Amino acid sequence: MANDIVRVQVHKSLVEVMEDIRNEIAKGLKGQYNLTEIEVPRTLSSRILAARSKGQKTIQFKLKKTSLNKGILEIIG
């Protein structure tokens, strides 16, 4: 996975948009899976934006529960 990550400089507004996407995903999954805490990868929002620009409608992921109320979101592929 580390080989897939590249550091770039972007405008502050894009960072805010990507954080909003991460928060939206986290809130939705917390409600869906009845979690109080979920760890979402920092690269998730950029992968979602890249997939959208390529016309993809879905991204596969799995949720690894670390305790009764906590989990980690893992991207597949």
PDB file of N, CA and C in Angstrom:
ATOM      1  N   MET A   1       0.826  -1.197   0.000  1.00  0.00           N
ATOM      2  CA  MET A   1       0.000   0.000   0.000  1.00  0.00           C
ATOM      3  C   MET A   1       0.862   1.248   0.000  1.00  0.00           C
ATOM      4  N   ALA A   2       1.947   1.265   0.723  1.00  0.00           N
ATOM      5  CA  ALA A   2       2.787   2.453   0.799  1.00  0.00           C
ATOM      6  C   ALA A   2       3.322   2.857  -0.560  1.00  0.00           C
ATOM      7  N   ASN A   3       3.491   1.911  -1.465  1.00  0.00           N
ATOM      8  CA  ASN A   3       3.960   2.227  -2.816  1.00  0.00           C
ATOM      9  C   ASN A   3       2.908   2.948  -3.636  1.00  0.00           C
ATOM     10  N   ASP A   4       1.645   2.897  -3.198  1.00  0.00           N
ATOM     11  CA  ASP A   4       0.549   3.548  -3.910  1.00  0.00           C
ATOM     12  C   ASP A   4       0.330   4.987  -3.463  1.00  0.00           C
ATOM     13  N   ILE A   5       1.034   5.430  -2.444  1.00  0.00           N
ATOM     14  CA  ILE A   5       0.823   6.766  -1.883  1.00  0.00           C
ATOM     15  C   ILE A   5       1.913   7.704  -2.362  1.00  0.00           C
ATOM     16  N   VAL A   6       1.486   8.873  -2.854  1.00  0.00           N
ATOM     17  CA  VAL A   6       2.395   9.895  -3.349  1.00  0.00           C
ATOM     18  C   VAL A   6       2.053  11.204  -2.635  1.00  0.00           C
ATOM     19  N   ARG A   7       3.051  11.938  -2.227  1.00  0.00           N
ATOM     20  CA  ARG A   7       2.815  13.237  -1.593  1.00  0.00           C
ATOM     21  C   ARG A   7       2.721  14.312  -2.668  1.00  0.00           C
ATOM     22  N   VAL A   8       1.693  15.156  -2.550  1.00  0.00           N
ATOM     23  CA  VAL A   8       1.503  16.255  -3.490  1.00  0.00           C
ATOM     24  C   VAL A   8       1.117  17.504  -2.710  1.00  0.00           C
ATOM     25  N   GLN A   9       1.272  18.632  -3.346  1.00  0.00           N
ATOM     26  CA  GLN A   9       0.813  19.874  -2.752  1.00  0.00           C
ATOM     27  C   GLN A   9      -0.513  20.243  -3.408  1.00  0.00           C
ATOM     28  N   VAL A  10      -1.502  20.535  -2.569  1.00  0.00           N
ATOM     29  CA  VAL A  10      -2.827  20.895  -3.075  1.00  0.00           C
ATOM     30  C   VAL A  10      -3.320  22.135  -2.341  1.00  0.00           C
ATOM     31  N   HIS A  11      -4.301  22.762  -2.928  1.00  0.00           N
ATOM     32  CA  HIS A  11      -4.906  23.938  -2.310  1.00  0.00           C
ATOM     33  C   HIS A  11      -5.674  23.530  -1.054  1.00  0.00           C
ATOM     34  N   LYS A  12      -5.700  24.411  -0.097  1.00  0.00           N
ATOM     35  CA  LYS A  12      -6.353  24.170   1.184  1.00  0.00           C
ATOM     36  C   LYS A  12      -7.815  23.762   1.020  1.00  0.00           C
ATOM     37  N   SER A  13      -8.493  24.305   0.030  1.00  0.00           N
ATOM     38  CA  SER A  13      -9.906  23.986  -0.168  1.00  0.00           C
ATOM     39  C   SER A  13     -10.108  22.512  -0.536  1.00  0.00           C
ATOM     40  N   LEU A  14      -9.174  21.931  -1.271  1.00  0.00           N
ATOM     41  CA  LEU A  14      -9.273  20.510  -1.613  1.00  0.00           C
ATOM     42  C   LEU A  14      -9.093  19.644  -0.373  1.00  0.00           C
ATOM     43  N   VAL A  15      -8.196  20.038   0.510  1.00  0.00           N
ATOM     44  CA  VAL A  15      -7.990  19.313   1.757  1.00  0.00           C
ATOM     45  C   VAL A  15      -9.285  19.324   2.577  1.00  0.00           C
ATOM     46  N   GLU A  16      -9.949  20.469   2.624  1.00  0.00           N
ATOM     47  CA  GLU A  16     -11.205  20.581   3.366  1.00  0.00           C
ATOM     48  C   GLU A  16     -12.278  19.676   2.761  1.00  0.00           C
ATOM     49  N   VAL A  17     -12.356  19.630   1.445  1.00  0.00           N
ATOM     50  CA  VAL A  17     -13.326  18.769   0.763  1.00  0.00           C
ATOM     51  C   VAL A  17     -13.044  17.300   1.078  1.00  0.00           C
ATOM     52  N   MET A  18     -11.771  16.924   1.048  1.00  0.00           N
ATOM     53  CA  MET A  18     -11.410  15.533   1.312  1.00  0.00           C
ATOM     54  C   MET A  18     -11.699  15.158   2.771  1.00  0.00           C
ATOM     55  N   GLU A  19     -11.492  16.063   3.704  1.00  0.00           N
ATOM     56  CA  GLU A  19     -11.815  15.803   5.105  1.00  0.00           C
ATOM     57  C   GLU A  19     -13.321  15.665   5.285  1.00  0.00           C
ATOM     58  N   ASP A  20     -14.092  16.484   4.566  1.00  0.00           N
ATOM     59  CA  ASP A  20     -15.553  16.374   4.625  1.00  0.00           C
ATOM     60  C   ASP A  20     -16.011  14.998   4.141  1.00  0.00           C
ATOM     61  N   ILE A  21     -15.385  14.495   3.094  1.00  0.00           N
ATOM     62  CA  ILE A  21     -15.728  13.168   2.573  1.00  0.00           C
ATOM     63  C   ILE A  21     -15.418  12.105   3.627  1.00  0.00           C
ATOM     64  N   ARG A  22     -14.233  12.174   4.229  1.00  0.00           N
ATOM     65  CA  ARG A  22     -13.865  11.205   5.274  1.00  0.00           C
ATOM     66  C   ARG A  22     -14.858  11.230   6.427  1.00  0.00           C
ATOM     67  N   ASN A  23     -15.232  12.427   6.865  1.00  0.00           N
ATOM     68  CA  ASN A  23     -16.178  12.552   7.976  1.00  0.00           C
ATOM     69  C   ASN A  23     -17.552  12.002   7.608  1.00  0.00           C
ATOM     70  N   GLU A  24     -17.996  12.274   6.389  1.00  0.00           N
ATOM     71  CA  GLU A  24     -19.292  11.785   5.922  1.00  0.00           C
ATOM     72  C   GLU A  24     -19.313  10.252   5.908  1.00  0.00           C
ATOM     73  N   ILE A  25     -18.257   9.644   5.396  1.00  0.00           N
ATOM     74  CA  ILE A  25     -18.155   8.188   5.353  1.00  0.00           C
ATOM     75  C   ILE A  25     -18.141   7.620   6.775  1.00  0.00           C
ATOM     76  N   ALA A  26     -17.345   8.207   7.650  1.00  0.00           N
ATOM     77  CA  ALA A  26     -17.235   7.724   9.030  1.00  0.00           C
ATOM     78  C   ALA A  26     -18.581   7.801   9.748  1.00  0.00           C
ATOM     79  N   LYS A  27     -19.279   8.923   9.623  1.00  0.00           N
ATOM     80  CA  LYS A  27     -20.579   9.073  10.283  1.00  0.00           C
ATOM     81  C   LYS A  27     -21.578   8.054   9.764  1.00  0.00           C
ATOM     82  N   GLY A  28     -21.600   7.852   8.455  1.00  0.00           N
ATOM     83  CA  GLY A  28     -22.520   6.880   7.869  1.00  0.00           C
ATOM     84  C   GLY A  28     -22.255   5.463   8.342  1.00  0.00           C
ATOM     85  N   LEU A  29     -20.983   5.080   8.377  1.00  0.00           N
ATOM     86  CA  LEU A  29     -20.636   3.724   8.805  1.00  0.00           C
ATOM     87  C   LEU A  29     -20.850   3.528  10.304  1.00  0.00           C
ATOM     88  N   LYS A  30     -20.616   4.577  11.082  1.00  0.00           N
ATOM     89  CA  LYS A  30     -20.865   4.481  12.520  1.00  0.00           C
ATOM     90  C   LYS A  30     -22.333   4.146  12.775  1.00  0.00           C
ATOM     91  N   GLY A  31     -23.214   4.838  12.081  1.00  0.00           N
ATOM     92  CA  GLY A  31     -24.641   4.587  12.238  1.00  0.00           C
ATOM     93  C   GLY A  31     -25.045   3.220  11.704  1.00  0.00           C
ATOM     94  N   GLN A  32     -24.520   2.863  10.554  1.00  0.00           N
ATOM     95  CA  GLN A  32     -24.875   1.603   9.910  1.00  0.00           C
ATOM     96  C   GLN A  32     -24.426   0.391  10.724  1.00  0.00           C
ATOM     97  N   TYR A  33     -23.234   0.472  11.316  1.00  0.00           N
ATOM     98  CA  TYR A  33     -22.685  -0.664  12.062  1.00  0.00           C
ATOM     99  C   TYR A  33     -22.726  -0.469  13.570  1.00  0.00           C
ATOM    100  N   ASN A  34     -23.427   0.565  14.026  1.00  0.00           N
ATOM    101  CA  ASN A  34     -23.603   0.845  15.450  1.00  0.00           C
ATOM    102  C   ASN A  34     -22.262   0.941  16.185  1.00  0.00           C
ATOM    103  N   LEU A  35     -21.380   1.793  15.677  1.00  0.00           N
ATOM    104  CA  LEU A  35     -20.058   1.998  16.265  1.00  0.00           C
ATOM    105  C   LEU A  35     -19.963   3.385  16.893  1.00  0.00           C
ATOM    106  N   THR A  36     -19.139   3.520  17.904  1.00  0.00           N
ATOM    107  CA  THR A  36     -18.888   4.837  18.486  1.00  0.00           C
ATOM    108  C   THR A  36     -17.612   5.436  17.925  1.00  0.00           C
ATOM    109  N   GLU A  37     -16.719   4.575  17.420  1.00  0.00           N
ATOM    110  CA  GLU A  37     -15.450   5.050  16.876  1.00  0.00           C
ATOM    111  C   GLU A  37     -15.064   4.201  15.677  1.00  0.00           C
ATOM    112  N   ILE A  38     -14.625   4.862  14.615  1.00  0.00           N
ATOM    113  CA  ILE A  38     -14.154   4.149  13.431  1.00  0.00           C
ATOM    114  C   ILE A  38     -12.919   4.858  12.893  1.00  0.00           C
ATOM    115  N   GLU A  39     -11.916   4.088  12.558  1.00  0.00           N
ATOM    116  CA  GLU A  39     -10.690   4.631  11.984  1.00  0.00           C
ATOM    117  C   GLU A  39     -10.816   4.544  10.460  1.00  0.00           C
ATOM    118  N   VAL A  40     -10.714   5.698   9.811  1.00  0.00           N
ATOM    119  CA  VAL A  40     -10.842   5.768   8.355  1.00  0.00           C
ATOM    120  C   VAL A  40      -9.484   6.172   7.778  1.00  0.00           C
ATOM    121  N   PRO A  41      -8.970   5.420   6.798  1.00  0.00           N
ATOM    122  CA  PRO A  41      -7.661   5.769   6.225  1.00  0.00           C
ATOM    123  C   PRO A  41      -7.652   7.186   5.652  1.00  0.00           C
ATOM    124  N   ARG A  42      -6.548   7.872   5.819  1.00  0.00           N
ATOM    125  CA  ARG A  42      -6.434   9.248   5.323  1.00  0.00           C
ATOM    126  C   ARG A  42      -6.505   9.314   3.804  1.00  0.00           C
ATOM    127  N   THR A  43      -6.167   8.212   3.136  1.00  0.00           N
ATOM    128  CA  THR A  43      -6.189   8.211   1.666  1.00  0.00           C
ATOM    129  C   THR A  43      -7.570   7.886   1.100  1.00  0.00           C
ATOM    130  N   LEU A  44      -8.536   7.600   1.954  1.00  0.00           N
ATOM    131  CA  LEU A  44      -9.859   7.209   1.478  1.00  0.00           C
ATOM    132  C   LEU A  44     -10.492   8.272   0.588  1.00  0.00           C
ATOM    133  N   SER A  45     -10.465   9.511   1.023  1.00  0.00           N
ATOM    134  CA  SER A  45     -11.135  10.563   0.264  1.00  0.00           C
ATOM    135  C   SER A  45     -10.491  10.780  -1.101  1.00  0.00           C
ATOM    136  N   SER A  46      -9.175  10.683  -1.182  1.00  0.00           N
ATOM    137  CA  SER A  46      -8.536  10.853  -2.492  1.00  0.00           C
ATOM    138  C   SER A  46      -8.859   9.675  -3.403  1.00  0.00           C
ATOM    139  N   ARG A  47      -8.983   8.485  -2.827  1.00  0.00           N
ATOM    140  CA  ARG A  47      -9.364   7.321  -3.636  1.00  0.00           C
ATOM    141  C   ARG A  47     -10.801   7.447  -4.126  1.00  0.00           C
ATOM    142  N   ILE A  48     -11.679   7.994  -3.305  1.00  0.00           N
ATOM    143  CA  ILE A  48     -13.071   8.211  -3.716  1.00  0.00           C
ATOM    144  C   ILE A  48     -13.126   9.234  -4.842  1.00  0.00           C
ATOM    145  N   LEU A  49     -12.407  10.346  -4.698  1.00  0.00           N
ATOM    146  CA  LEU A  49     -12.388  11.361  -5.747  1.00  0.00           C
ATOM    147  C   LEU A  49     -11.818  10.811  -7.053  1.00  0.00           C
ATOM    148  N   ALA A  50     -10.762  10.012  -6.965  1.00  0.00           N
ATOM    149  CA  ALA A  50     -10.168   9.408  -8.158  1.00  0.00           C
ATOM    150  C   ALA A  50     -11.148   8.442  -8.813  1.00  0.00           C
ATOM    151  N   ALA A  51     -11.829   7.641  -8.009  1.00  0.00           N
ATOM    152  CA  ALA A  51     -12.798   6.685  -8.554  1.00  0.00           C
ATOM    153  C   ALA A  51     -13.953   7.411  -9.232  1.00  0.00           C
ATOM    154  N   ARG A  52     -14.445   8.473  -8.603  1.00  0.00           N
ATOM    155  CA  ARG A  52     -15.544   9.253  -9.201  1.00  0.00           C
ATOM    156  C   ARG A  52     -15.128   9.847 -10.544  1.00  0.00           C
ATOM    157  N   SER A  53     -13.922  10.361 -10.612  1.00  0.00           N
ATOM    158  CA  SER A  53     -13.474  10.979 -11.862  1.00  0.00           C
ATOM    159  C   SER A  53     -13.276   9.939 -12.969  1.00  0.00           C
ATOM    160  N   LYS A  54     -13.068   8.678 -12.578  1.00  0.00           N
ATOM    161  CA  LYS A  54     -12.929   7.590 -13.551  1.00  0.00           C
ATOM    162  C   LYS A  54     -14.265   6.918 -13.857  1.00  0.00           C
ATOM    163  N   GLY A  55     -15.333   7.406 -13.242  1.00  0.00           N
ATOM    164  CA  GLY A  55     -16.664   6.871 -13.509  1.00  0.00           C
ATOM    165  C   GLY A  55     -17.071   5.691 -12.642  1.00  0.00           C
ATOM    166  N   GLN A  56     -16.248   5.324 -11.669  1.00  0.00           N
ATOM    167  CA  GLN A  56     -16.596   4.227 -10.768  1.00  0.00           C
ATOM    168  C   GLN A  56     -17.707   4.669  -9.839  1.00  0.00           C
ATOM    169  N   LYS A  57     -18.627   3.763  -9.558  1.00  0.00           N
ATOM    170  CA  LYS A  57     -19.736   4.069  -8.659  1.00  0.00           C
ATOM    171  C   LYS A  57     -19.499   3.528  -7.246  1.00  0.00           C
ATOM    172  N   THR A  58     -18.660   2.486  -7.130  1.00  0.00           N
ATOM    173  CA  THR A  58     -18.449   1.865  -5.821  1.00  0.00           C
ATOM    174  C   THR A  58     -16.962   1.613  -5.565  1.00  0.00           C
ATOM    175  N   ILE A  59     -16.647   1.525  -4.292  1.00  0.00           N
ATOM    176  CA  ILE A  59     -15.314   1.137  -3.843  1.00  0.00           C
ATOM    177  C   ILE A  59     -15.516   0.031  -2.815  1.00  0.00           C
ATOM    178  N   GLN A  60     -14.799  -1.063  -2.979  1.00  0.00           N
ATOM    179  CA  GLN A  60     -14.946  -2.173  -2.050  1.00  0.00           C
ATOM    180  C   GLN A  60     -14.119  -1.928  -0.796  1.00  0.00           C
ATOM    181  N   PHE A  61     -14.707  -2.249   0.340  1.00  0.00           N
ATOM    182  CA  PHE A  61     -14.013  -2.105   1.608  1.00  0.00           C
ATOM    183  C   PHE A  61     -14.491  -3.193   2.548  1.00  0.00           C
ATOM    184  N   LYS A  62     -13.766  -3.360   3.624  1.00  0.00           N
ATOM    185  CA  LYS A  62     -14.229  -4.222   4.702  1.00  0.00           C
ATOM    186  C   LYS A  62     -14.031  -3.474   6.007  1.00  0.00           C
ATOM    187  N   LEU A  63     -14.889  -3.781   6.946  1.00  0.00           N
ATOM    188  CA  LEU A  63     -14.818  -3.155   8.253  1.00  0.00           C
ATOM    189  C   LEU A  63     -14.311  -4.193   9.245  1.00  0.00           C
ATOM    190  N   LYS A  64     -13.178  -3.920   9.833  1.00  0.00           N
ATOM    191  CA  LYS A  64     -12.578  -4.825  10.811  1.00  0.00           C
ATOM    192  C   LYS A  64     -12.928  -4.304  12.195  1.00  0.00           C
ATOM    193  N   LYS A  65     -13.797  -5.018  12.893  1.00  0.00           N
ATOM    194  CA  LYS A  65     -14.180  -4.595  14.241  1.00  0.00           C
ATOM    195  C   LYS A  65     -13.046  -4.920  15.202  1.00  0.00           C
ATOM    196  N   THR A  66     -12.626  -3.918  15.962  1.00  0.00           N
ATOM    197  CA  THR A  66     -11.553  -4.102  16.928  1.00  0.00           C
ATOM    198  C   THR A  66     -12.090  -4.286  18.337  1.00  0.00           C
ATOM    199  N   SER A  67     -13.340  -3.914  18.540  1.00  0.00           N
ATOM    200  CA  SER A  67     -14.031  -4.144  19.802  1.00  0.00           C
ATOM    201  C   SER A  67     -15.522  -4.034  19.511  1.00  0.00           C
ATOM    202  N   LEU A  68     -16.330  -4.091  20.533  1.00  0.00           N
ATOM    203  CA  LEU A  68     -17.779  -4.053  20.345  1.00  0.00           C
ATOM    204  C   LEU A  68     -18.242  -2.769  19.666  1.00  0.00           C
ATOM    205  N   ASN A  69     -17.611  -1.632  19.993  1.00  0.00           N
ATOM    206  CA  ASN A  69     -18.054  -0.330  19.487  1.00  0.00           C
ATOM    207  C   ASN A  69     -17.045   0.361  18.584  1.00  0.00           C
ATOM    208  N   LYS A  70     -15.949  -0.319  18.215  1.00  0.00           N
ATOM    209  CA  LYS A  70     -14.904   0.314  17.432  1.00  0.00           C
ATOM    210  C   LYS A  70     -14.543  -0.540  16.225  1.00  0.00           C
ATOM    211  N   GLY A  71     -14.053   0.131  15.165  1.00  0.00           N
ATOM    212  CA  GLY A  71     -13.647  -0.602  13.996  1.00  0.00           C
ATOM    213  C   GLY A  71     -12.670   0.187  13.142  1.00  0.00           C
ATOM    214  N   ILE A  72     -12.074  -0.515  12.177  1.00  0.00           N
ATOM    215  CA  ILE A  72     -11.145   0.081  11.228  1.00  0.00           C
ATOM    216  C   ILE A  72     -11.646  -0.216   9.823  1.00  0.00           C
ATOM    217  N   LEU A  73     -11.762   0.813   9.013  1.00  0.00           N
ATOM    218  CA  LEU A  73     -12.186   0.643   7.633  1.00  0.00           C
ATOM    219  C   LEU A  73     -10.957   0.310   6.788  1.00  0.00           C
ATOM    220  N   GLU A  74     -11.035  -0.765   6.030  1.00  0.00           N
ATOM    221  CA  GLU A  74      -9.937  -1.180   5.175  1.00  0.00           C
ATOM    222  C   GLU A  74     -10.407  -1.212   3.730  1.00  0.00           C
ATOM    223  N   ILE A  75      -9.676  -0.575   2.860  1.00  0.00           N
ATOM    224  CA  ILE A  75      -9.993  -0.562   1.431  1.00  0.00           C
ATOM    225  C   ILE A  75      -9.474  -1.845   0.797  1.00  0.00           C
ATOM    226  N   ILE A  76     -10.289  -2.465  -0.037  1.00  0.00           N
ATOM    227  CA  ILE A  76      -9.889  -3.682  -0.735  1.00  0.00           C
ATOM    228  C   ILE A  76      -9.488  -3.291  -2.164  1.00  0.00           C
ATOM    229  N   GLY A  77      -8.311  -3.718  -2.567  1.00  0.00           N
ATOM    230  CA  GLY A  77      -7.884  -3.474  -3.947  1.00  0.00           C
ATOM    231  C   GLY A  77      -7.052  -2.312  -4.179  1.00  0.00           C
TER     232      GLY A  77
END
